[in-house]
Amino acid sequence: MRAVVQRVQEASVKVNEETVGEIGPGMVVFLGVGREDSAADSEYMAPKIAGLRIFEDEAGLMNLSVQESGGKVLCISQFTLYGDCRKGRRPGFSAAAPPEQAEELYNDFCNRLKKIGLTVATGHFRETMRINVDNDGPVTMLLDSKKQF
């Protein structure tokens, strides 16, 4: 499982020009699910991302998690995080999970964030989406559940 996490002032997602999810301050998580991923990857990633100390405290230091800062999460499924660009100019996506597996693990990840106590907005799985992100900092982190150690 791969994630691009961005600290934001606000973010929203539209499907067919209709806003289907939006947040104020918090984080956007672009989540990709790989063929070899399982619930164990989701179990690792959700608390890891929820606990990232990327929000500033009163001293201006990145010491707070999204929950401690009062932020929310916008989670977007993004299979292109598994795009392989090493050969040629057209990315290959053979490492991305098939849609049924990806949707199940994406939903599992979002539900785990909710169980932690976060407010989570989402896009629509397997839809073309327009994402508006007001990146704060900018702060952008990359995580991969296969690179835990």
Protein backbone atom coordinates (compact mmCIF):
# COMPACT_ATOMS: atom_id res chain seq x y z
CA MET A 1 0.00 0.00 0.00
CA ARG A 2 1.35 3.38 -0.97
CA ALA A 3 0.24 6.80 0.16
CA VAL A 4 1.00 10.40 -0.65
CA VAL A 5 -0.02 12.51 2.33
CA GLN A 6 -0.37 16.27 2.07
CA ARG A 7 -1.05 18.73 4.87
CA VAL A 8 -3.76 21.08 3.61
CA GLN A 9 -5.66 24.20 4.55
CA GLU A 10 -8.62 22.82 2.60
CA ALA A 11 -9.38 20.24 -0.07
CA SER A 12 -12.31 18.97 -2.07
CA VAL A 13 -13.16 16.30 -4.61
CA LYS A 14 -15.68 16.51 -7.45
CA VAL A 15 -17.23 13.76 -9.53
CA ASN A 16 -19.15 14.94 -12.62
CA GLU A 17 -18.89 18.54 -11.37
CA GLU A 18 -20.60 17.61 -8.08
CA THR A 19 -18.62 18.04 -4.86
CA VAL A 20 -18.71 14.66 -3.12
CA GLY A 21 -16.17 15.31 -0.35
CA GLU A 22 -14.48 18.30 1.23
CA ILE A 23 -12.50 19.23 4.31
CA GLY A 24 -11.03 22.28 5.97
CA PRO A 25 -7.62 22.04 7.63
CA GLY A 26 -6.22 18.53 7.76
CA MET A 27 -4.66 16.11 5.33
CA VAL A 28 -5.30 14.60 1.94
CA VAL A 29 -4.31 10.96 1.55
CA PHE A 30 -3.88 9.64 -1.98
CA LEU A 31 -3.94 5.86 -1.43
CA GLY A 32 -2.77 3.20 -3.86
CA VAL A 33 -3.35 -0.51 -3.27
CA GLY A 34 -0.95 -3.09 -4.70
CA ARG A 35 -1.54 -6.68 -5.79
CA GLU A 36 0.38 -8.03 -2.81
CA ASP A 37 -1.46 -5.91 -0.24
CA SER A 38 -3.76 -7.29 2.43
CA ALA A 39 -5.58 -6.09 5.53
CA ALA A 40 -2.21 -6.17 7.31
CA ASP A 41 -1.06 -3.28 5.11
CA SER A 42 -4.16 -1.27 5.97
CA GLU A 43 -3.69 -2.14 9.63
CA TYR A 44 -0.17 -0.68 9.47
CA MET A 45 -0.92 2.37 7.32
CA ALA A 46 -4.01 3.80 9.04
CA PRO A 47 -2.48 4.42 12.49
CA LYS A 48 0.85 5.40 10.93
CA ILE A 49 -0.77 8.12 8.84
CA ALA A 50 -3.17 9.19 11.60
CA GLY A 51 -0.20 9.60 13.94
CA LEU A 52 2.12 11.51 11.60
CA ARG A 53 3.30 14.60 13.42
CA ILE A 54 3.16 17.01 10.50
CA PHE A 55 1.03 19.76 12.04
CA GLU A 56 2.51 22.71 13.86
CA ASP A 57 2.17 23.27 17.58
CA GLU A 58 2.04 26.70 19.24
CA ALA A 59 5.84 26.98 18.88
CA GLY A 60 5.64 26.42 15.13
CA LEU A 61 7.18 22.94 15.31
CA MET A 62 5.71 19.91 13.56
CA ASN A 63 4.70 18.09 16.73
CA LEU A 64 0.99 17.40 16.26
CA SER A 65 -0.95 14.68 14.46
CA VAL A 66 -4.01 15.43 12.35
CA GLN A 67 -6.25 14.40 15.24
CA GLU A 68 -4.35 16.50 17.80
CA SER A 69 -4.59 19.51 15.49
CA GLY A 70 -8.35 19.07 15.05
CA GLY A 71 -7.95 18.33 11.35
CA LYS A 72 -9.90 16.07 9.03
CA VAL A 73 -8.91 13.65 6.27
CA LEU A 74 -9.85 13.51 2.60
CA CYS A 75 -8.92 10.06 1.29
CA ILE A 76 -8.70 9.47 -2.46
CA SER A 77 -8.11 6.10 -4.11
CA GLN A 78 -5.28 6.42 -6.65
CA PHE A 79 -4.10 3.30 -8.47
CA THR A 80 -1.59 5.38 -10.45
CA LEU A 81 0.70 5.33 -7.40
CA TYR A 82 1.61 1.87 -8.68
CA GLY A 83 2.50 3.15 -12.15
CA ASP A 84 5.84 1.74 -13.32
CA CYS A 85 7.67 4.21 -15.54
CA ARG A 86 11.01 2.40 -15.81
CA LYS A 87 10.49 1.13 -19.36
CA GLY A 88 9.30 3.28 -22.22
CA ARG A 89 7.11 6.31 -21.78
CA ARG A 90 3.77 4.72 -20.99
CA PRO A 91 3.38 3.64 -17.34
CA GLY A 92 2.50 0.05 -16.62
CA PHE A 93 0.03 -0.72 -13.85
CA SER A 94 0.48 -4.47 -13.40
CA ALA A 95 1.54 -4.00 -9.75
CA ALA A 96 -1.76 -2.27 -8.88
CA ALA A 97 -4.41 -4.41 -7.23
CA PRO A 98 -7.45 -5.44 -9.27
CA PRO A 99 -10.45 -3.17 -8.61
CA GLU A 100 -12.32 -5.55 -6.27
CA GLN A 101 -9.29 -6.06 -4.00
CA ALA A 102 -8.33 -2.39 -4.14
CA GLU A 103 -11.82 -1.18 -3.22
CA GLU A 104 -12.04 -3.56 -0.27
CA LEU A 105 -8.68 -2.45 1.13
CA TYR A 106 -9.33 1.23 0.41
CA ASN A 107 -12.61 1.00 2.37
CA ASP A 108 -10.84 -0.93 5.14
CA PHE A 109 -8.21 1.82 5.39
CA CYS A 110 -10.85 4.59 5.56
CA ASN A 111 -12.83 2.67 8.18
CA ARG A 112 -9.71 2.21 10.30
CA LEU A 113 -9.12 5.98 10.23
CA LYS A 114 -12.71 6.50 11.36
CA LYS A 115 -12.28 3.97 14.20
CA ILE A 116 -9.25 5.98 15.35
CA GLY A 117 -11.64 8.92 15.68
CA LEU A 118 -10.93 10.91 12.54
CA THR A 119 -13.51 12.54 10.31
CA VAL A 120 -12.92 11.11 6.84
CA ALA A 121 -14.31 12.39 3.54
CA THR A 122 -13.79 10.39 0.35
CA GLY A 123 -14.13 10.51 -3.38
CA HIS A 124 -15.85 7.81 -5.43
CA PHE A 125 -13.92 4.65 -6.14
CA ARG A 126 -13.19 3.98 -9.87
CA GLU A 127 -14.50 7.38 -10.93
CA THR A 128 -12.69 10.21 -12.64
CA MET A 129 -12.30 12.86 -9.98
CA ARG A 130 -11.17 16.47 -9.82
CA ILE A 131 -9.21 17.14 -6.65
CA ASN A 132 -8.67 20.66 -5.33
CA VAL A 133 -5.84 20.79 -2.78
CA ASP A 134 -4.60 23.86 -0.93
CA ASN A 135 -1.29 22.34 0.24
CA ASP A 136 -0.04 23.89 3.48
CA GLY A 137 3.70 24.31 3.86
CA PRO A 138 4.03 22.59 1.45
CA VAL A 139 4.17 19.40 3.48
CA THR A 140 4.03 16.17 1.47
CA MET A 141 5.00 12.72 2.77
CA LEU A 142 5.39 9.39 0.95
CA LEU A 143 4.62 6.13 2.74
CA ASP A 144 4.84 2.53 1.57
CA SER A 145 3.66 -0.35 3.73
CA LYS A 146 6.31 -2.61 2.18
CA LYS A 147 9.05 -0.30 3.47
CA GLN A 148 8.32 -0.47 7.19
CA PHE A 149 11.89 -1.17 8.24
